[in-house]
Amino acid sequence: MPEPAKSAPAPKKGSKKAVTKAQKKDGKKRKRSRKESYSVYVYKVLKQVHPDTGISSKAMGIMNSFVNDIFERIAGEASRLAHYKRSRKESYSVYVYKVLKQVYPDTGRGHHELFR
């Protein structure tokens, strides 16, 4: 005797099954949004400095947020400096260079040597 067909339990609200059924109705899969990160570059620098050392995903997340924070600080300071010295006609790169000299005063190097 054939077994009676079992019906699938109703998917819970917000479950993965509910999302896939909604996608099947449209006939299209959603594209995953790409998230920008500096993990590739951090990994390359790590391998240049310590070739035999790895990094965990948690530590990579911390390094990514660190680089984002530094980038935002430099960009914000360059923006403030540009608005502060609005009367002068200097290029934006000059402001960024001045900010880098303020952020890294003890290095005695320009930004070209810092980021090679």
N, C-alpha and C. Protein backbone atom coordinates (compact mmCIF):
# COMPACT_ATOMS: atom_id res chain seq x y z
N MET A 1 0.83 -1.18 0.00
CA MET A 1 0.00 0.00 0.00
C MET A 1 0.87 1.24 0.00
N PRO A 2 0.63 2.20 -0.88
CA PRO A 2 1.46 3.40 -0.91
C PRO A 2 1.25 4.26 0.32
N GLU A 3 2.35 4.86 0.75
CA GLU A 3 2.26 5.73 1.93
C GLU A 3 1.61 7.04 1.55
N PRO A 4 0.86 7.62 2.47
CA PRO A 4 0.26 8.92 2.17
C PRO A 4 1.35 9.99 2.07
N ALA A 5 1.17 10.91 1.17
CA ALA A 5 2.15 11.99 0.98
C ALA A 5 2.17 12.89 2.20
N LYS A 6 3.37 13.15 2.68
CA LYS A 6 3.50 14.03 3.84
C LYS A 6 3.64 15.46 3.36
N SER A 7 2.90 16.32 3.97
CA SER A 7 3.02 17.73 3.61
C SER A 7 4.13 18.36 4.45
N ALA A 8 4.85 19.24 3.84
CA ALA A 8 5.94 19.92 4.53
C ALA A 8 5.36 20.85 5.58
N PRO A 9 6.00 20.94 6.74
CA PRO A 9 5.49 21.86 7.76
C PRO A 9 5.58 23.29 7.26
N ALA A 10 4.67 24.10 7.72
CA ALA A 10 4.63 25.50 7.29
C ALA A 10 5.90 26.20 7.76
N PRO A 11 6.56 26.91 6.88
CA PRO A 11 7.79 27.60 7.29
C PRO A 11 7.50 28.70 8.29
N LYS A 12 8.43 28.84 9.22
CA LYS A 12 8.29 29.89 10.22
C LYS A 12 8.55 31.24 9.57
N LYS A 13 8.05 32.25 10.20
CA LYS A 13 8.21 33.60 9.67
C LYS A 13 9.69 33.97 9.68
N GLY A 14 10.21 34.37 8.54
CA GLY A 14 11.61 34.78 8.45
C GLY A 14 12.57 33.63 8.26
N SER A 15 12.06 32.41 8.04
CA SER A 15 12.96 31.29 7.87
C SER A 15 13.52 31.26 6.45
N LYS A 16 14.51 30.41 6.22
CA LYS A 16 15.14 30.33 4.91
C LYS A 16 14.18 29.78 3.87
N LYS A 17 13.32 28.85 4.28
CA LYS A 17 12.38 28.27 3.32
C LYS A 17 11.42 29.32 2.80
N ALA A 18 11.00 30.22 3.66
CA ALA A 18 10.07 31.26 3.24
C ALA A 18 10.74 32.17 2.21
N VAL A 19 12.02 32.44 2.38
CA VAL A 19 12.74 33.30 1.45
C VAL A 19 12.89 32.61 0.11
N THR A 20 13.21 31.30 0.11
CA THR A 20 13.41 30.61 -1.16
C THR A 20 12.10 30.49 -1.92
N LYS A 21 10.98 30.31 -1.24
CA LYS A 21 9.71 30.25 -1.94
C LYS A 21 9.38 31.60 -2.56
N ALA A 22 9.71 32.68 -1.89
CA ALA A 22 9.46 34.00 -2.45
C ALA A 22 10.35 34.22 -3.67
N GLN A 23 11.55 33.69 -3.64
CA GLN A 23 12.44 33.84 -4.79
C GLN A 23 11.95 33.01 -5.97
N LYS A 24 11.39 31.84 -5.70
CA LYS A 24 10.91 30.99 -6.78
C LYS A 24 9.73 31.62 -7.50
N LYS A 25 8.92 32.38 -6.79
CA LYS A 25 7.78 33.04 -7.43
C LYS A 25 8.26 34.01 -8.50
N ASP A 26 9.31 34.76 -8.20
CA ASP A 26 9.83 35.72 -9.16
C ASP A 26 10.63 35.03 -10.27
N GLY A 27 11.16 33.87 -9.96
CA GLY A 27 11.99 33.18 -10.93
C GLY A 27 13.41 33.70 -10.98
N LYS A 28 13.75 34.62 -10.10
CA LYS A 28 15.09 35.20 -10.07
C LYS A 28 15.68 35.01 -8.68
N LYS A 29 16.97 34.77 -8.65
CA LYS A 29 17.66 34.71 -7.37
C LYS A 29 18.19 36.09 -7.05
N ARG A 30 18.20 36.40 -5.79
CA ARG A 30 18.74 37.69 -5.37
C ARG A 30 20.25 37.65 -5.41
N LYS A 31 20.84 38.73 -5.85
CA LYS A 31 22.29 38.83 -5.83
C LYS A 31 22.73 39.24 -4.44
N ARG A 32 23.78 38.61 -3.98
CA ARG A 32 24.34 39.02 -2.69
C ARG A 32 25.07 40.33 -2.89
N SER A 33 24.81 41.25 -2.00
CA SER A 33 25.49 42.53 -2.11
C SER A 33 26.95 42.34 -1.71
N ARG A 34 27.84 42.96 -2.45
CA ARG A 34 29.26 42.82 -2.18
C ARG A 34 29.66 43.81 -1.11
N LYS A 35 30.38 43.33 -0.14
CA LYS A 35 30.84 44.19 0.93
C LYS A 35 32.33 44.45 0.72
N GLU A 36 32.68 45.71 0.67
CA GLU A 36 34.08 46.06 0.48
C GLU A 36 34.84 45.84 1.77
N SER A 37 36.04 45.32 1.65
CA SER A 37 36.89 45.18 2.82
C SER A 37 38.35 45.26 2.39
N TYR A 38 39.20 45.41 3.37
CA TYR A 38 40.63 45.51 3.13
C TYR A 38 41.33 44.19 3.45
N SER A 39 40.58 43.11 3.57
CA SER A 39 41.15 41.85 4.03
C SER A 39 42.22 41.31 3.08
N VAL A 40 42.03 41.48 1.79
CA VAL A 40 43.03 41.00 0.82
C VAL A 40 44.35 41.74 1.02
N TYR A 41 44.26 43.04 1.22
CA TYR A 41 45.46 43.87 1.36
C TYR A 41 46.14 43.62 2.70
N VAL A 42 45.35 43.46 3.75
CA VAL A 42 45.92 43.15 5.07
C VAL A 42 46.65 41.82 5.01
N TYR A 43 46.05 40.85 4.33
CA TYR A 43 46.66 39.53 4.21
C TYR A 43 47.98 39.60 3.43
N LYS A 44 48.01 40.39 2.36
CA LYS A 44 49.24 40.53 1.57
C LYS A 44 50.35 41.16 2.39
N VAL A 45 50.01 42.19 3.17
CA VAL A 45 51.02 42.84 4.01
C VAL A 45 51.51 41.89 5.09
N LEU A 46 50.58 41.11 5.67
CA LEU A 46 50.97 40.14 6.69
C LEU A 46 51.95 39.12 6.13
N LYS A 47 51.70 38.65 4.92
CA LYS A 47 52.59 37.67 4.31
C LYS A 47 53.94 38.27 3.94
N GLN A 48 53.99 39.56 3.66
CA GLN A 48 55.27 40.21 3.39
C GLN A 48 56.09 40.33 4.66
N VAL A 49 55.41 40.63 5.78
CA VAL A 49 56.11 40.86 7.04
C VAL A 49 56.41 39.54 7.74
N HIS A 50 55.41 38.67 7.84
CA HIS A 50 55.55 37.37 8.51
C HIS A 50 55.00 36.28 7.60
N PRO A 51 55.82 35.70 6.74
CA PRO A 51 55.31 34.73 5.76
C PRO A 51 54.69 33.48 6.36
N ASP A 52 55.13 33.08 7.55
CA ASP A 52 54.63 31.83 8.12
C ASP A 52 53.47 32.04 9.10
N THR A 53 52.95 33.25 9.20
CA THR A 53 51.89 33.55 10.16
C THR A 53 50.56 33.73 9.44
N GLY A 54 49.50 33.18 10.04
CA GLY A 54 48.15 33.34 9.51
C GLY A 54 47.36 34.32 10.35
N ILE A 55 46.10 34.52 9.98
CA ILE A 55 45.24 35.43 10.72
C ILE A 55 43.83 34.86 10.73
N SER A 56 43.17 34.96 11.88
CA SER A 56 41.80 34.45 11.99
C SER A 56 40.82 35.45 11.39
N SER A 57 39.61 34.98 11.13
CA SER A 57 38.60 35.87 10.53
C SER A 57 38.19 36.95 11.52
N LYS A 58 38.21 36.62 12.81
CA LYS A 58 37.86 37.62 13.82
C LYS A 58 38.92 38.73 13.86
N ALA A 59 40.19 38.33 13.81
CA ALA A 59 41.27 39.32 13.79
C ALA A 59 41.25 40.12 12.50
N MET A 60 40.87 39.48 11.39
CA MET A 60 40.78 40.19 10.12
C MET A 60 39.66 41.23 10.18
N GLY A 61 38.57 40.90 10.85
CA GLY A 61 37.49 41.87 11.03
C GLY A 61 37.94 43.07 11.84
N ILE A 62 38.74 42.82 12.86
CA ILE A 62 39.28 43.90 13.68
C ILE A 62 40.21 44.78 12.85
N MET A 63 41.08 44.15 12.06
CA MET A 63 41.99 44.92 11.21
C MET A 63 41.23 45.72 10.15
N ASN A 64 40.15 45.14 9.63
CA ASN A 64 39.35 45.84 8.63
C ASN A 64 38.69 47.08 9.23
N SER A 65 38.15 46.94 10.44
CA SER A 65 37.54 48.10 11.09
C SER A 65 38.59 49.14 11.46
N PHE A 66 39.80 48.69 11.79
CA PHE A 66 40.90 49.61 12.09
C PHE A 66 41.26 50.44 10.86
N VAL A 67 41.40 49.80 9.71
CA VAL A 67 41.75 50.51 8.48
C VAL A 67 40.63 51.47 8.09
N ASN A 68 39.37 51.03 8.23
CA ASN A 68 38.24 51.91 7.94
C ASN A 68 38.25 53.13 8.85
N ASP A 69 38.56 52.93 10.13
CA ASP A 69 38.59 54.03 11.08
C ASP A 69 39.68 55.03 10.72
N ILE A 70 40.87 54.53 10.41
CA ILE A 70 41.97 55.42 10.04
C ILE A 70 41.63 56.19 8.76
N PHE A 71 41.03 55.50 7.79
CA PHE A 71 40.65 56.16 6.54
C PHE A 71 39.65 57.27 6.79
N GLU A 72 38.65 57.00 7.64
CA GLU A 72 37.64 58.02 7.95
C GLU A 72 38.25 59.20 8.69
N ARG A 73 39.19 58.94 9.59
CA ARG A 73 39.85 60.03 10.31
C ARG A 73 40.65 60.92 9.37
N ILE A 74 41.41 60.30 8.46
CA ILE A 74 42.22 61.08 7.53
C ILE A 74 41.33 61.88 6.60
N ALA A 75 40.27 61.26 6.09
CA ALA A 75 39.37 61.97 5.18
C ALA A 75 38.65 63.10 5.89
N GLY A 76 38.23 62.88 7.13
CA GLY A 76 37.55 63.93 7.89
C GLY A 76 38.46 65.09 8.20
N GLU A 77 39.69 64.78 8.58
CA GLU A 77 40.65 65.85 8.89
C GLU A 77 41.02 66.63 7.63
N ALA A 78 41.16 65.95 6.51
CA ALA A 78 41.45 66.65 5.25
C ALA A 78 40.28 67.54 4.85
N SER A 79 39.07 67.08 5.09
CA SER A 79 37.89 67.88 4.78
C SER A 79 37.83 69.13 5.65
N ARG A 80 38.09 68.96 6.95
CA ARG A 80 38.08 70.11 7.86
C ARG A 80 39.17 71.10 7.48
N LEU A 81 40.33 70.60 7.14
CA LEU A 81 41.44 71.47 6.75
C LEU A 81 41.12 72.21 5.46
N ALA A 82 40.45 71.55 4.53
CA ALA A 82 40.08 72.19 3.27
C ALA A 82 39.07 73.30 3.50
N HIS A 83 38.11 73.07 4.41
CA HIS A 83 37.12 74.10 4.70
C HIS A 83 37.73 75.24 5.51
N TYR A 84 38.69 74.91 6.36
CA TYR A 84 39.32 75.91 7.20
C TYR A 84 40.16 76.87 6.36
N LYS A 85 40.87 76.33 5.39
CA LYS A 85 41.75 77.14 4.55
C LYS A 85 41.13 77.29 3.17
N ARG A 86 39.89 77.69 3.14
CA ARG A 86 39.16 77.77 1.88
C ARG A 86 39.69 78.87 0.96
N SER A 87 40.23 79.92 1.55
CA SER A 87 40.68 81.05 0.74
C SER A 87 41.89 80.68 -0.13
N ARG A 88 42.68 79.71 0.31
CA ARG A 88 43.83 79.28 -0.48
C ARG A 88 43.38 78.39 -1.62
N LYS A 89 44.11 78.44 -2.68
CA LYS A 89 43.81 77.60 -3.84
C LYS A 89 44.85 76.49 -3.92
N GLU A 90 44.69 75.47 -3.10
CA GLU A 90 45.59 74.32 -3.14
C GLU A 90 44.80 73.09 -3.53
N SER A 91 45.50 72.12 -4.07
CA SER A 91 44.81 70.91 -4.48
C SER A 91 44.46 70.07 -3.25
N TYR A 92 43.54 69.15 -3.44
CA TYR A 92 43.08 68.30 -2.34
C TYR A 92 44.21 67.38 -1.86
N SER A 93 45.09 66.98 -2.76
CA SER A 93 46.18 66.10 -2.37
C SER A 93 47.14 66.79 -1.41
N VAL A 94 47.27 68.10 -1.53
CA VAL A 94 48.12 68.85 -0.61
C VAL A 94 47.53 68.78 0.79
N TYR A 95 46.20 68.88 0.89
CA TYR A 95 45.55 68.79 2.19
C TYR A 95 45.73 67.40 2.80
N VAL A 96 45.60 66.38 1.98
CA VAL A 96 45.78 65.02 2.48
C VAL A 96 47.20 64.83 2.96
N TYR A 97 48.18 65.36 2.22
CA TYR A 97 49.57 65.25 2.62
C TYR A 97 49.81 65.94 3.97
N LYS A 98 49.21 67.12 4.15
CA LYS A 98 49.36 67.84 5.42
C LYS A 98 48.72 67.08 6.57
N VAL A 99 47.58 66.46 6.30
CA VAL A 99 46.91 65.67 7.34
C VAL A 99 47.77 64.48 7.72
N LEU A 100 48.35 63.81 6.74
CA LEU A 100 49.20 62.66 7.04
C LEU A 100 50.41 63.08 7.87
N LYS A 101 50.94 64.26 7.61
CA LYS A 101 52.05 64.76 8.43
C LYS A 101 51.59 65.03 9.86
N GLN A 102 50.30 65.43 10.02
CA GLN A 102 49.77 65.66 11.37
C GLN A 102 49.49 64.34 12.08
N VAL A 103 48.98 63.36 11.33
CA VAL A 103 48.64 62.08 11.94
C VAL A 103 49.89 61.30 12.32
N TYR A 104 50.91 61.32 11.46
CA TYR A 104 52.15 60.60 11.71
C TYR A 104 53.31 61.58 11.84
N PRO A 105 53.37 62.36 12.92
CA PRO A 105 54.41 63.39 13.02
C PRO A 105 55.80 62.84 13.30
N ASP A 106 55.91 61.72 14.01
CA ASP A 106 57.21 61.23 14.46
C ASP A 106 57.94 60.39 13.43
N THR A 107 57.30 60.05 12.34
CA THR A 107 57.95 59.16 11.39
C THR A 107 59.03 59.86 10.60
N GLY A 108 58.88 61.15 10.34
CA GLY A 108 59.87 61.87 9.57
C GLY A 108 59.84 61.50 8.10
N ARG A 109 58.78 60.82 7.67
CA ARG A 109 58.65 60.41 6.28
C ARG A 109 57.36 60.97 5.70
N GLY A 110 57.32 61.06 4.41
CA GLY A 110 56.10 61.47 3.72
C GLY A 110 55.18 60.28 3.54
N HIS A 111 54.02 60.52 2.97
CA HIS A 111 53.06 59.43 2.81
C HIS A 111 53.50 58.42 1.76
N HIS A 112 54.43 58.79 0.88
CA HIS A 112 54.89 57.84 -0.13
C HIS A 112 55.64 56.69 0.53
N GLU A 113 56.46 56.98 1.53
CA GLU A 113 57.21 55.94 2.20
C GLU A 113 56.35 55.15 3.17
N LEU A 114 55.31 55.79 3.71
CA LEU A 114 54.46 55.09 4.68
C LEU A 114 53.64 53.99 4.04
N PHE A 115 53.20 54.20 2.81
CA PHE A 115 52.24 53.28 2.22
C PHE A 115 52.82 52.50 1.04
N ARG A 116 54.07 52.19 1.08
CA ARG A 116 54.66 51.34 0.03
C ARG A 116 54.57 49.92 0.43
